[in-house]
């Protein structure tokens, strides 16, 4: 099955917009937790630090996915999108529908 480059680009750009929006929405959560024992108790501060650590980990994942999107867009421009970088076989459209950034087929992943 041939991959529709316009559909692939739309999927990638939609995912990029979604990731950028999520990043913007969680920006405050990733900020440093203030050390103010007067206004925040120790356990509350520990909870806030845990939430911050999780938000930072999610942001790292989003940034990684944004890089993967850029790489997929480059493959699309080069005419290599949808071709496994390991074995050279075509990546099924169903896989690309789930993960439009996929660079490997299921067997090689």
PDB file of N, CA and C in Angstrom:
ATOM      1  N   UNK A   1       0.844  -1.178   0.000  1.00  0.00           N
ATOM      2  CA  UNK A   1       0.000   0.000   0.000  1.00  0.00           C
ATOM      3  C   UNK A   1       0.891   1.244   0.000  1.00  0.00           C
ATOM      4  N   UNK A   2       0.691   2.156  -0.892  1.00  0.00           N
ATOM      5  CA  UNK A   2       1.483   3.376  -0.984  1.00  0.00           C
ATOM      6  C   UNK A   2       1.044   4.363   0.097  1.00  0.00           C
ATOM      7  N   UNK A   3       2.014   5.053   0.643  1.00  0.00           N
ATOM      8  CA  UNK A   3       1.749   6.012   1.705  1.00  0.00           C
ATOM      9  C   UNK A   3       1.395   7.358   1.080  1.00  0.00           C
ATOM     10  N   UNK A   4       0.329   7.954   1.555  1.00  0.00           N
ATOM     11  CA  UNK A   4      -0.097   9.270   1.090  1.00  0.00           C
ATOM     12  C   UNK A   4       0.750  10.322   1.818  1.00  0.00           C
ATOM     13  N   UNK A   5       1.659  11.008   1.112  1.00  0.00           N
ATOM     14  CA  UNK A   5       2.546  11.983   1.759  1.00  0.00           C
ATOM     15  C   UNK A   5       1.791  13.125   2.425  1.00  0.00           C
ATOM     16  N   UNK A   6       0.691  13.551   1.845  1.00  0.00           N
ATOM     17  CA  UNK A   6      -0.086  14.641   2.451  1.00  0.00           C
ATOM     18  C   UNK A   6      -0.711  14.204   3.772  1.00  0.00           C
ATOM     19  N   UNK A   7      -1.243  12.993   3.791  1.00  0.00           N
ATOM     20  CA  UNK A   7      -1.829  12.457   5.018  1.00  0.00           C
ATOM     21  C   UNK A   7      -0.741  12.283   6.080  1.00  0.00           C
ATOM     22  N   UNK A   8       0.402  11.768   5.680  1.00  0.00           N
ATOM     23  CA  UNK A   8       1.510  11.581   6.617  1.00  0.00           C
ATOM     24  C   UNK A   8       1.947  12.921   7.207  1.00  0.00           C
ATOM     25  N   UNK A   9       2.077  13.924   6.373  1.00  0.00           N
ATOM     26  CA  UNK A   9       2.480  15.258   6.838  1.00  0.00           C
ATOM     27  C   UNK A   9       1.444  15.815   7.819  1.00  0.00           C
ATOM     28  N   UNK A  10       0.155  15.639   7.492  1.00  0.00           N
ATOM     29  CA  UNK A  10      -0.907  16.124   8.382  1.00  0.00           C
ATOM     30  C   UNK A  10      -0.842  15.426   9.740  1.00  0.00           C
ATOM     31  N   UNK A  11      -0.625  14.118   9.729  1.00  0.00           N
ATOM     32  CA  UNK A  11      -0.516  13.363  10.990  1.00  0.00           C
ATOM     33  C   UNK A  11       0.653  13.877  11.825  1.00  0.00           C
ATOM     34  N   UNK A  12       1.787  14.060  11.167  1.00  0.00           N
ATOM     35  CA  UNK A  12       2.990  14.517  11.873  1.00  0.00           C
ATOM     36  C   UNK A  12       2.815  15.933  12.412  1.00  0.00           C
ATOM     37  N   UNK A  13       2.258  16.807  11.613  1.00  0.00           N
ATOM     38  CA  UNK A  13       2.077  18.187  12.050  1.00  0.00           C
ATOM     39  C   UNK A  13       1.028  18.287  13.156  1.00  0.00           C
ATOM     40  N   UNK A  14      -0.011  17.469  13.081  1.00  0.00           N
ATOM     41  CA  UNK A  14      -1.029  17.452  14.136  1.00  0.00           C
ATOM     42  C   UNK A  14      -0.413  16.972  15.449  1.00  0.00           C
ATOM     43  N   UNK A  15       0.416  15.941  15.354  1.00  0.00           N
ATOM     44  CA  UNK A  15       1.070  15.433  16.567  1.00  0.00           C
ATOM     45  C   UNK A  15       2.028  16.476  17.139  1.00  0.00           C
ATOM     46  N   UNK A  16       2.740  17.197  16.270  1.00  0.00           N
ATOM     47  CA  UNK A  16       3.653  18.242  16.735  1.00  0.00           C
ATOM     48  C   UNK A  16       2.879  19.334  17.473  1.00  0.00           C
ATOM     49  N   UNK A  17       1.757  19.778  16.904  1.00  0.00           N
ATOM     50  CA  UNK A  17       0.945  20.804  17.561  1.00  0.00           C
ATOM     51  C   UNK A  17       0.428  20.330  18.913  1.00  0.00           C
ATOM     52  N   UNK A  18       0.022  19.069  18.972  1.00  0.00           N
ATOM     53  CA  UNK A  18      -0.469  18.492  20.221  1.00  0.00           C
ATOM     54  C   UNK A  18       0.638  18.485  21.284  1.00  0.00           C
ATOM     55  N   UNK A  19       1.829  18.057  20.905  1.00  0.00           N
ATOM     56  CA  UNK A  19       2.948  18.010  21.848  1.00  0.00           C
ATOM     57  C   UNK A  19       3.347  19.410  22.313  1.00  0.00           C
ATOM     58  N   UNK A  20       3.373  20.365  21.396  1.00  0.00           N
ATOM     59  CA  UNK A  20       3.731  21.735  21.764  1.00  0.00           C
ATOM     60  C   UNK A  20       2.693  22.329  22.717  1.00  0.00           C
ATOM     61  N   UNK A  21       1.416  22.038  22.495  1.00  0.00           N
ATOM     62  CA  UNK A  21       0.355  22.522  23.380  1.00  0.00           C
ATOM     63  C   UNK A  21       0.495  21.907  24.769  1.00  0.00           C
ATOM     64  N   UNK A  22       0.767  20.605  24.828  1.00  0.00           N
ATOM     65  CA  UNK A  22       0.960  19.939  26.118  1.00  0.00           C
ATOM     66  C   UNK A  22       2.156  20.529  26.854  1.00  0.00           C
ATOM     67  N   UNK A  23       3.205  20.805  26.126  1.00  0.00           N
ATOM     68  CA  UNK A  23       4.399  21.387  26.733  1.00  0.00           C
ATOM     69  C   UNK A  23       4.081  22.746  27.339  1.00  0.00           C
ATOM     70  N   UNK A  24       3.338  23.539  26.613  1.00  0.00           N
ATOM     71  CA  UNK A  24       2.966  24.869  27.098  1.00  0.00           C
ATOM     72  C   UNK A  24       2.064  24.771  28.332  1.00  0.00           C
ATOM     73  N   UNK A  25       1.118  23.837  28.317  1.00  0.00           N
ATOM     74  CA  UNK A  25       0.172  23.671  29.421  1.00  0.00           C
ATOM     75  C   UNK A  25       0.851  23.236  30.714  1.00  0.00           C
ATOM     76  N   UNK A  26       1.929  22.476  30.610  1.00  0.00           N
ATOM     77  CA  UNK A  26       2.580  21.929  31.809  1.00  0.00           C
ATOM     78  C   UNK A  26       3.829  22.706  32.213  1.00  0.00           C
ATOM     79  N   UNK A  27       4.061  23.840  31.591  1.00  0.00           N
ATOM     80  CA  UNK A  27       5.268  24.613  31.865  1.00  0.00           C
ATOM     81  C   UNK A  27       5.386  24.977  33.350  1.00  0.00           C
ATOM     82  N   UNK A  28       4.303  25.416  33.956  1.00  0.00           N
ATOM     83  CA  UNK A  28       4.335  25.824  35.355  1.00  0.00           C
ATOM     84  C   UNK A  28       4.618  24.646  36.282  1.00  0.00           C
ATOM     85  N   UNK A  29       4.092  23.483  35.957  1.00  0.00           N
ATOM     86  CA  UNK A  29       4.281  22.285  36.778  1.00  0.00           C
ATOM     87  C   UNK A  29       5.744  21.857  36.821  1.00  0.00           C
ATOM     88  N   UNK A  30       6.502  22.168  35.765  1.00  0.00           N
ATOM     89  CA  UNK A  30       7.905  21.755  35.687  1.00  0.00           C
ATOM     90  C   UNK A  30       8.851  22.716  36.395  1.00  0.00           C
ATOM     91  N   UNK A  31       8.334  23.858  36.842  1.00  0.00           N
ATOM     92  CA  UNK A  31       9.182  24.850  37.497  1.00  0.00           C
ATOM     93  C   UNK A  31       9.681  24.329  38.844  1.00  0.00           C
ATOM     94  N   UNK A  32      10.769  24.922  39.314  1.00  0.00           N
ATOM     95  CA  UNK A  32      11.366  24.520  40.595  1.00  0.00           C
ATOM     96  C   UNK A  32      10.360  24.718  41.724  1.00  0.00           C
ATOM     97  N   UNK A  33      10.365  23.784  42.660  1.00  0.00           N
ATOM     98  CA  UNK A  33       9.506  23.857  43.837  1.00  0.00           C
ATOM     99  C   UNK A  33      10.203  24.739  44.860  1.00  0.00           C
ATOM    100  N   UNK A  34       9.496  25.767  45.316  1.00  0.00           N
ATOM    101  CA  UNK A  34      10.090  26.707  46.265  1.00  0.00           C
ATOM    102  C   UNK A  34      10.209  26.087  47.647  1.00  0.00           C
ATOM    103  N   UNK A  35      11.273  26.456  48.316  1.00  0.00           N
ATOM    104  CA  UNK A  35      11.511  25.996  49.691  1.00  0.00           C
ATOM    105  C   UNK A  35      10.978  27.062  50.633  1.00  0.00           C
ATOM    106  N   UNK A  36       9.713  26.913  50.997  1.00  0.00           N
ATOM    107  CA  UNK A  36       9.066  27.860  51.899  1.00  0.00           C
ATOM    108  C   UNK A  36       8.310  27.046  52.927  1.00  0.00           C
ATOM    109  N   UNK A  37       8.987  26.670  53.977  1.00  0.00           N
ATOM    110  CA  UNK A  37       8.408  25.812  55.008  1.00  0.00           C
ATOM    111  C   UNK A  37       7.229  26.481  55.723  1.00  0.00           C
ATOM    112  N   UNK A  38       7.151  27.801  55.671  1.00  0.00           N
ATOM    113  CA  UNK A  38       6.070  28.513  56.357  1.00  0.00           C
ATOM    114  C   UNK A  38       4.732  28.335  55.638  1.00  0.00           C
ATOM    115  N   UNK A  39       4.762  28.356  54.317  1.00  0.00           N
ATOM    116  CA  UNK A  39       3.498  28.281  53.575  1.00  0.00           C
ATOM    117  C   UNK A  39       3.183  26.873  53.083  1.00  0.00           C
ATOM    118  N   UNK A  40       4.182  26.022  52.995  1.00  0.00           N
ATOM    119  CA  UNK A  40       3.980  24.670  52.487  1.00  0.00           C
ATOM    120  C   UNK A  40       4.629  23.677  53.448  1.00  0.00           C
ATOM    121  N   UNK A  41       3.860  22.681  53.867  1.00  0.00           N
ATOM    122  CA  UNK A  41       4.402  21.659  54.751  1.00  0.00           C
ATOM    123  C   UNK A  41       5.357  20.737  54.019  1.00  0.00           C
ATOM    124  N   UNK A  42       6.133  19.966  54.794  1.00  0.00           N
ATOM    125  CA  UNK A  42       7.152  19.090  54.211  1.00  0.00           C
ATOM    126  C   UNK A  42       6.549  18.059  53.259  1.00  0.00           C
ATOM    127  N   UNK A  43       5.451  17.421  53.652  1.00  0.00           N
ATOM    128  CA  UNK A  43       4.840  16.396  52.803  1.00  0.00           C
ATOM    129  C   UNK A  43       4.241  17.009  51.540  1.00  0.00           C
ATOM    130  N   UNK A  44       3.651  18.175  51.681  1.00  0.00           N
ATOM    131  CA  UNK A  44       3.099  18.852  50.511  1.00  0.00           C
ATOM    132  C   UNK A  44       4.218  19.212  49.541  1.00  0.00           C
ATOM    133  N   UNK A  45       5.337  19.656  50.082  1.00  0.00           N
ATOM    134  CA  UNK A  45       6.483  19.999  49.233  1.00  0.00           C
ATOM    135  C   UNK A  45       7.025  18.749  48.543  1.00  0.00           C
ATOM    136  N   UNK A  46       7.079  17.631  49.271  1.00  0.00           N
ATOM    137  CA  UNK A  46       7.550  16.381  48.662  1.00  0.00           C
ATOM    138  C   UNK A  46       6.613  15.950  47.532  1.00  0.00           C
ATOM    139  N   UNK A  47       5.306  16.098  47.764  1.00  0.00           N
ATOM    140  CA  UNK A  47       4.344  15.785  46.700  1.00  0.00           C
ATOM    141  C   UNK A  47       4.576  16.680  45.494  1.00  0.00           C
ATOM    142  N   UNK A  48       4.803  17.973  45.736  1.00  0.00           N
ATOM    143  CA  UNK A  48       5.034  18.921  44.652  1.00  0.00           C
ATOM    144  C   UNK A  48       6.307  18.561  43.888  1.00  0.00           C
ATOM    145  N   UNK A  49       7.322  18.108  44.593  1.00  0.00           N
ATOM    146  CA  UNK A  49       8.577  17.719  43.936  1.00  0.00           C
ATOM    147  C   UNK A  49       8.373  16.475  43.084  1.00  0.00           C
ATOM    148  N   UNK A  50       7.545  15.554  43.564  1.00  0.00           N
ATOM    149  CA  UNK A  50       7.254  14.346  42.789  1.00  0.00           C
ATOM    150  C   UNK A  50       6.478  14.701  41.519  1.00  0.00           C
ATOM    151  N   UNK A  51       5.503  15.584  41.641  1.00  0.00           N
ATOM    152  CA  UNK A  51       4.735  16.030  40.482  1.00  0.00           C
ATOM    153  C   UNK A  51       5.666  16.726  39.498  1.00  0.00           C
ATOM    154  N   UNK A  52       6.582  17.548  40.022  1.00  0.00           N
ATOM    155  CA  UNK A  52       7.545  18.250  39.173  1.00  0.00           C
ATOM    156  C   UNK A  52       8.427  17.254  38.421  1.00  0.00           C
ATOM    157  N   UNK A  53       8.918  16.236  39.112  1.00  0.00           N
ATOM    158  CA  UNK A  53       9.786  15.238  38.477  1.00  0.00           C
ATOM    159  C   UNK A  53       9.039  14.487  37.376  1.00  0.00           C
ATOM    160  N   UNK A  54       7.784  14.152  37.629  1.00  0.00           N
ATOM    161  CA  UNK A  54       6.992  13.462  36.600  1.00  0.00           C
ATOM    162  C   UNK A  54       6.749  14.379  35.409  1.00  0.00           C
ATOM    163  N   UNK A  55       6.464  15.652  35.668  1.00  0.00           N
ATOM    164  CA  UNK A  55       6.223  16.606  34.584  1.00  0.00           C
ATOM    165  C   UNK A  55       7.490  16.805  33.755  1.00  0.00           C
ATOM    166  N   UNK A  56       8.641  16.833  34.412  1.00  0.00           N
ATOM    167  CA  UNK A  56       9.901  16.982  33.686  1.00  0.00           C
ATOM    168  C   UNK A  56      10.192  15.752  32.836  1.00  0.00           C
ATOM    169  N   UNK A  57       9.891  14.568  33.349  1.00  0.00           N
ATOM    170  CA  UNK A  57      10.093  13.340  32.575  1.00  0.00           C
ATOM    171  C   UNK A  57       9.168  13.323  31.349  1.00  0.00           C
ATOM    172  N   UNK A  58       7.938  13.757  31.534  1.00  0.00           N
ATOM    173  CA  UNK A  58       7.010  13.819  30.405  1.00  0.00           C
ATOM    174  C   UNK A  58       7.489  14.835  29.373  1.00  0.00           C
ATOM    175  N   UNK A  59       8.063  15.935  29.831  1.00  0.00           N
ATOM    176  CA  UNK A  59       8.568  16.944  28.906  1.00  0.00           C
ATOM    177  C   UNK A  59       9.750  16.403  28.102  1.00  0.00           C
ATOM    178  N   UNK A  60      10.632  15.648  28.759  1.00  0.00           N
ATOM    179  CA  UNK A  60      11.752  15.031  28.027  1.00  0.00           C
ATOM    180  C   UNK A  60      11.227  14.102  26.938  1.00  0.00           C
ATOM    181  N   UNK A  61      10.186  13.337  27.243  1.00  0.00           N
ATOM    182  CA  UNK A  61       9.572  12.433  26.262  1.00  0.00           C
ATOM    183  C   UNK A  61       8.963  13.243  25.117  1.00  0.00           C
ATOM    184  N   UNK A  62       8.287  14.342  25.449  1.00  0.00           N
ATOM    185  CA  UNK A  62       7.703  15.190  24.400  1.00  0.00           C
ATOM    186  C   UNK A  62       8.798  15.757  23.505  1.00  0.00           C
ATOM    187  N   UNK A  63       9.884  16.226  24.092  1.00  0.00           N
ATOM    188  CA  UNK A  63      10.976  16.790  23.299  1.00  0.00           C
ATOM    189  C   UNK A  63      11.596  15.726  22.394  1.00  0.00           C
ATOM    190  N   UNK A  64      11.722  14.508  22.919  1.00  0.00           N
ATOM    191  CA  UNK A  64      12.234  13.392  22.113  1.00  0.00           C
ATOM    192  C   UNK A  64      11.294  13.125  20.934  1.00  0.00           C
ATOM    193  N   UNK A  65       9.990  13.139  21.199  1.00  0.00           N
ATOM    194  CA  UNK A  65       9.014  12.911  20.130  1.00  0.00           C
ATOM    195  C   UNK A  65       9.044  14.042  19.098  1.00  0.00           C
ATOM    196  N   UNK A  66       9.277  15.276  19.539  1.00  0.00           N
ATOM    197  CA  UNK A  66       9.383  16.381  18.584  1.00  0.00           C
ATOM    198  C   UNK A  66      10.579  16.186  17.654  1.00  0.00           C
ATOM    199  N   UNK A  67      11.672  15.669  18.185  1.00  0.00           N
ATOM    200  CA  UNK A  67      12.839  15.360  17.345  1.00  0.00           C
ATOM    201  C   UNK A  67      12.481  14.251  16.362  1.00  0.00           C
ATOM    202  N   UNK A  68      11.757  13.224  16.834  1.00  0.00           N
ATOM    203  CA  UNK A  68      11.340  12.132  15.961  1.00  0.00           C
ATOM    204  C   UNK A  68      10.421  12.637  14.850  1.00  0.00           C
ATOM    205  N   UNK A  69       9.573  13.617  15.164  1.00  0.00           N
ATOM    206  CA  UNK A  69       8.693  14.196  14.149  1.00  0.00           C
ATOM    207  C   UNK A  69       9.524  14.906  13.092  1.00  0.00           C
ATOM    208  N   UNK A  70      10.510  15.683  13.518  1.00  0.00           N
ATOM    209  CA  UNK A  70      11.375  16.378  12.557  1.00  0.00           C
ATOM    210  C   UNK A  70      12.112  15.380  11.662  1.00  0.00           C
ATOM    211  N   UNK A  71      12.579  14.286  12.249  1.00  0.00           N
ATOM    212  CA  UNK A  71      13.269  13.259  11.469  1.00  0.00           C
ATOM    213  C   UNK A  71      12.308  12.621  10.467  1.00  0.00           C
ATOM    214  N   UNK A  72      11.063  12.377  10.887  1.00  0.00           N
ATOM    215  CA  UNK A  72      10.065  11.785   9.992  1.00  0.00           C
ATOM    216  C   UNK A  72       9.735  12.747   8.849  1.00  0.00           C
ATOM    217  N   UNK A  73       9.634  14.032   9.149  1.00  0.00           N
ATOM    218  CA  UNK A  73       9.372  15.020   8.099  1.00  0.00           C
ATOM    219  C   UNK A  73      10.525  15.066   7.096  1.00  0.00           C
ATOM    220  N   UNK A  74      11.739  14.937   7.577  1.00  0.00           N
ATOM    221  CA  UNK A  74      12.901  14.900   6.676  1.00  0.00           C
ATOM    222  C   UNK A  74      12.866  13.661   5.792  1.00  0.00           C
ATOM    223  N   UNK A  75      12.489  12.508   6.390  1.00  0.00           N
ATOM    224  CA  UNK A  75      12.375  11.282   5.590  1.00  0.00           C
ATOM    225  C   UNK A  75      11.278  11.442   4.541  1.00  0.00           C
ATOM    226  N   UNK A  76      10.204  12.129   4.918  1.00  0.00           N
ATOM    227  CA  UNK A  76       9.101  12.375   3.994  1.00  0.00           C
ATOM    228  C   UNK A  76       9.587  13.209   2.810  1.00  0.00           C
ATOM    229  N   UNK A  77      10.339  14.262   3.089  1.00  0.00           N
ATOM    230  CA  UNK A  77      10.876  15.125   2.034  1.00  0.00           C
ATOM    231  C   UNK A  77      11.861  14.360   1.134  1.00  0.00           C
ATOM    232  N   UNK A  78      12.623  13.457   1.732  1.00  0.00           N
ATOM    233  CA  UNK A  78      13.618  12.695   0.976  1.00  0.00           C
ATOM    234  C   UNK A  78      13.002  11.511   0.226  1.00  0.00           C
ATOM    235  N   UNK A  79      11.726  11.231   0.512  1.00  0.00           N
ATOM    236  CA  UNK A  79      11.080  10.100  -0.145  1.00  0.00           C
ATOM    237  C   UNK A  79      11.326   8.770   0.552  1.00  0.00           C
ATOM    238  N   UNK A  80      11.862   8.820   1.780  1.00  0.00           N
ATOM    239  CA  UNK A  80      12.163   7.601   2.534  1.00  0.00           C
ATOM    240  C   UNK A  80      11.151   7.315   3.636  1.00  0.00           C
ATOM    241  N   UNK A  81      10.132   8.143   3.764  1.00  0.00           N
ATOM    242  CA  UNK A  81       9.144   7.954   4.826  1.00  0.00           C
ATOM    243  C   UNK A  81       8.385   6.655   4.582  1.00  0.00           C
ATOM    244  N   UNK A  82       8.198   5.901   5.661  1.00  0.00           N
ATOM    245  CA  UNK A  82       7.466   4.647   5.558  1.00  0.00           C
ATOM    246  C   UNK A  82       8.324   3.463   5.168  1.00  0.00           C
ATOM    247  N   UNK A  83       9.640   3.695   5.062  1.00  0.00           N
ATOM    248  CA  UNK A  83      10.588   2.625   4.756  1.00  0.00           C
ATOM    249  C   UNK A  83      11.417   2.372   6.013  1.00  0.00           C
ATOM    250  N   UNK A  84      11.477   1.133   6.440  1.00  0.00           N
ATOM    251  CA  UNK A  84      12.221   0.761   7.646  1.00  0.00           C
ATOM    252  C   UNK A  84      13.704   1.097   7.473  1.00  0.00           C
ATOM    253  N   UNK A  85      14.270   1.792   8.458  1.00  0.00           N
ATOM    254  CA  UNK A  85      15.683   2.174   8.385  1.00  0.00           C
ATOM    255  C   UNK A  85      16.608   0.980   8.622  1.00  0.00           C
ATOM    256  N   UNK A  86      16.063  -0.109   9.144  1.00  0.00           N
ATOM    257  CA  UNK A  86      16.878  -1.302   9.414  1.00  0.00           C
ATOM    258  C   UNK A  86      16.919  -2.246   8.207  1.00  0.00           C
ATOM    259  N   UNK A  87      15.730  -2.657   7.749  1.00  0.00           N
ATOM    260  CA  UNK A  87      15.675  -3.709   6.717  1.00  0.00           C
ATOM    261  C   UNK A  87      15.284  -3.187   5.333  1.00  0.00           C
ATOM    262  N   UNK A  88      14.792  -1.951   5.262  1.00  0.00           N
ATOM    263  CA  UNK A  88      14.407  -1.387   3.977  1.00  0.00           C
ATOM    264  C   UNK A  88      13.021  -1.784   3.494  1.00  0.00           C
ATOM    265  N   UNK A  89      12.287  -2.547   4.297  1.00  0.00           N
ATOM    266  CA  UNK A  89      10.922  -2.945   3.927  1.00  0.00           C
ATOM    267  C   UNK A  89       9.950  -1.807   4.243  1.00  0.00           C
ATOM    268  N   UNK A  90       8.797  -1.841   3.581  1.00  0.00           N
ATOM    269  CA  UNK A  90       7.782  -0.825   3.818  1.00  0.00           C
ATOM    270  C   UNK A  90       7.149  -1.014   5.196  1.00  0.00           C
ATOM    271  N   UNK A  91       6.970   0.086   5.912  1.00  0.00           N
ATOM    272  CA  UNK A  91       6.291   0.062   7.212  1.00  0.00           C
ATOM    273  C   UNK A  91       4.793   0.134   6.924  1.00  0.00           C
ATOM    274  N   UNK A  92       4.004  -0.805   7.456  1.00  0.00           N
ATOM    275  CA  UNK A  92       2.556  -0.806   7.181  1.00  0.00           C
ATOM    276  C   UNK A  92       1.898   0.505   7.616  1.00  0.00           C
ATOM    277  N   UNK A  93       0.932   0.952   6.816  1.00  0.00           N
ATOM    278  CA  UNK A  93       0.234   2.203   7.114  1.00  0.00           C
ATOM    279  C   UNK A  93      -0.464   2.140   8.469  1.00  0.00           C
ATOM    280  N   UNK A  94      -0.934   0.971   8.870  1.00  0.00           N
ATOM    281  CA  UNK A  94      -1.578   0.839  10.195  1.00  0.00           C
ATOM    282  C   UNK A  94      -0.602   1.225  11.292  1.00  0.00           C
ATOM    283  N   UNK A  95       0.652   0.811  11.157  1.00  0.00           N
ATOM    284  CA  UNK A  95       1.671   1.171  12.160  1.00  0.00           C
ATOM    285  C   UNK A  95       1.921   2.670  12.134  1.00  0.00           C
ATOM    286  N   UNK A  96       2.002   3.233  10.933  1.00  0.00           N
ATOM    287  CA  UNK A  96       2.233   4.672  10.809  1.00  0.00           C
ATOM    288  C   UNK A  96       1.033   5.477  11.291  1.00  0.00           C
ATOM    289  N   UNK A  97      -0.162   4.919  11.200  1.00  0.00           N
ATOM    290  CA  UNK A  97      -1.351   5.602  11.716  1.00  0.00           C
ATOM    291  C   UNK A  97      -1.290   5.696  13.235  1.00  0.00           C
ATOM    292  N   UNK A  98      -0.750   4.659  13.866  1.00  0.00           N
ATOM    293  CA  UNK A  98      -0.614   4.642  15.326  1.00  0.00           C
ATOM    294  C   UNK A  98       0.569   5.501  15.763  1.00  0.00           C
ATOM    295  N   UNK A  99       1.688   5.350  15.060  1.00  0.00           N
ATOM    296  CA  UNK A  99       2.902   6.104  15.376  1.00  0.00           C
ATOM    297  C   UNK A  99       3.457   6.679  14.080  1.00  0.00           C
ATOM    298  N   UNK A 100       3.011   7.873  13.708  1.00  0.00           N
ATOM    299  CA  UNK A 100       3.464   8.451  12.433  1.00  0.00           C
ATOM    300  C   UNK A 100       4.963   8.743  12.403  1.00  0.00           C
ATOM    301  N   UNK A 101       5.620   8.651  13.550  1.00  0.00           N
ATOM    302  CA  UNK A 101       7.059   8.910  13.618  1.00  0.00           C
ATOM    303  C   UNK A 101       7.883   7.627  13.469  1.00  0.00           C
ATOM    304  N   UNK A 102       7.209   6.487  13.345  1.00  0.00           N
ATOM    305  CA  UNK A 102       7.899   5.193  13.303  1.00  0.00           C
ATOM    306  C   UNK A 102       8.940   5.164  12.177  1.00  0.00           C
ATOM    307  N   UNK A 103      10.125   4.718  12.524  1.00  0.00           N
ATOM    308  CA  UNK A 103      11.184   4.599  11.523  1.00  0.00           C
ATOM    309  C   UNK A 103      11.565   3.153  11.255  1.00  0.00           C
ATOM    310  N   UNK A 104      10.959   2.248  12.024  1.00  0.00           N
ATOM    311  CA  UNK A 104      11.254   0.824  11.852  1.00  0.00           C
ATOM    312  C   UNK A 104       9.945   0.045  11.748  1.00  0.00           C
ATOM    313  N   UNK A 105      10.012  -1.059  10.991  1.00  0.00           N
ATOM    314  CA  UNK A 105       8.865  -1.955  10.922  1.00  0.00           C
ATOM    315  C   UNK A 105       8.740  -2.703  12.250  1.00  0.00           C
ATOM    316  N   UNK A 106       7.658  -3.423  12.426  1.00  0.00           N
ATOM    317  CA  UNK A 106       7.424  -4.139  13.681  1.00  0.00           C
ATOM    318  C   UNK A 106       8.528  -5.161  13.943  1.00  0.00           C
ATOM    319  N   UNK A 107       8.944  -5.886  12.924  1.00  0.00           N
ATOM    320  CA  UNK A 107       9.977  -6.908  13.107  1.00  0.00           C
ATOM    321  C   UNK A 107      11.311  -6.321  13.579  1.00  0.00           C
ATOM    322  N   UNK A 108      11.671  -5.153  13.054  1.00  0.00           N
ATOM    323  CA  UNK A 108      12.961  -4.534  13.408  1.00  0.00           C
ATOM    324  C   UNK A 108      12.892  -3.726  14.698  1.00  0.00           C
ATOM    325  N   UNK A 109      11.673  -3.305  15.063  1.00  0.00           N
ATOM    326  CA  UNK A 109      11.519  -2.516  16.295  1.00  0.00           C
ATOM    327  C   UNK A 109      11.669  -3.422  17.471  1.00  0.00           C
TER     328      UNK A 109
END
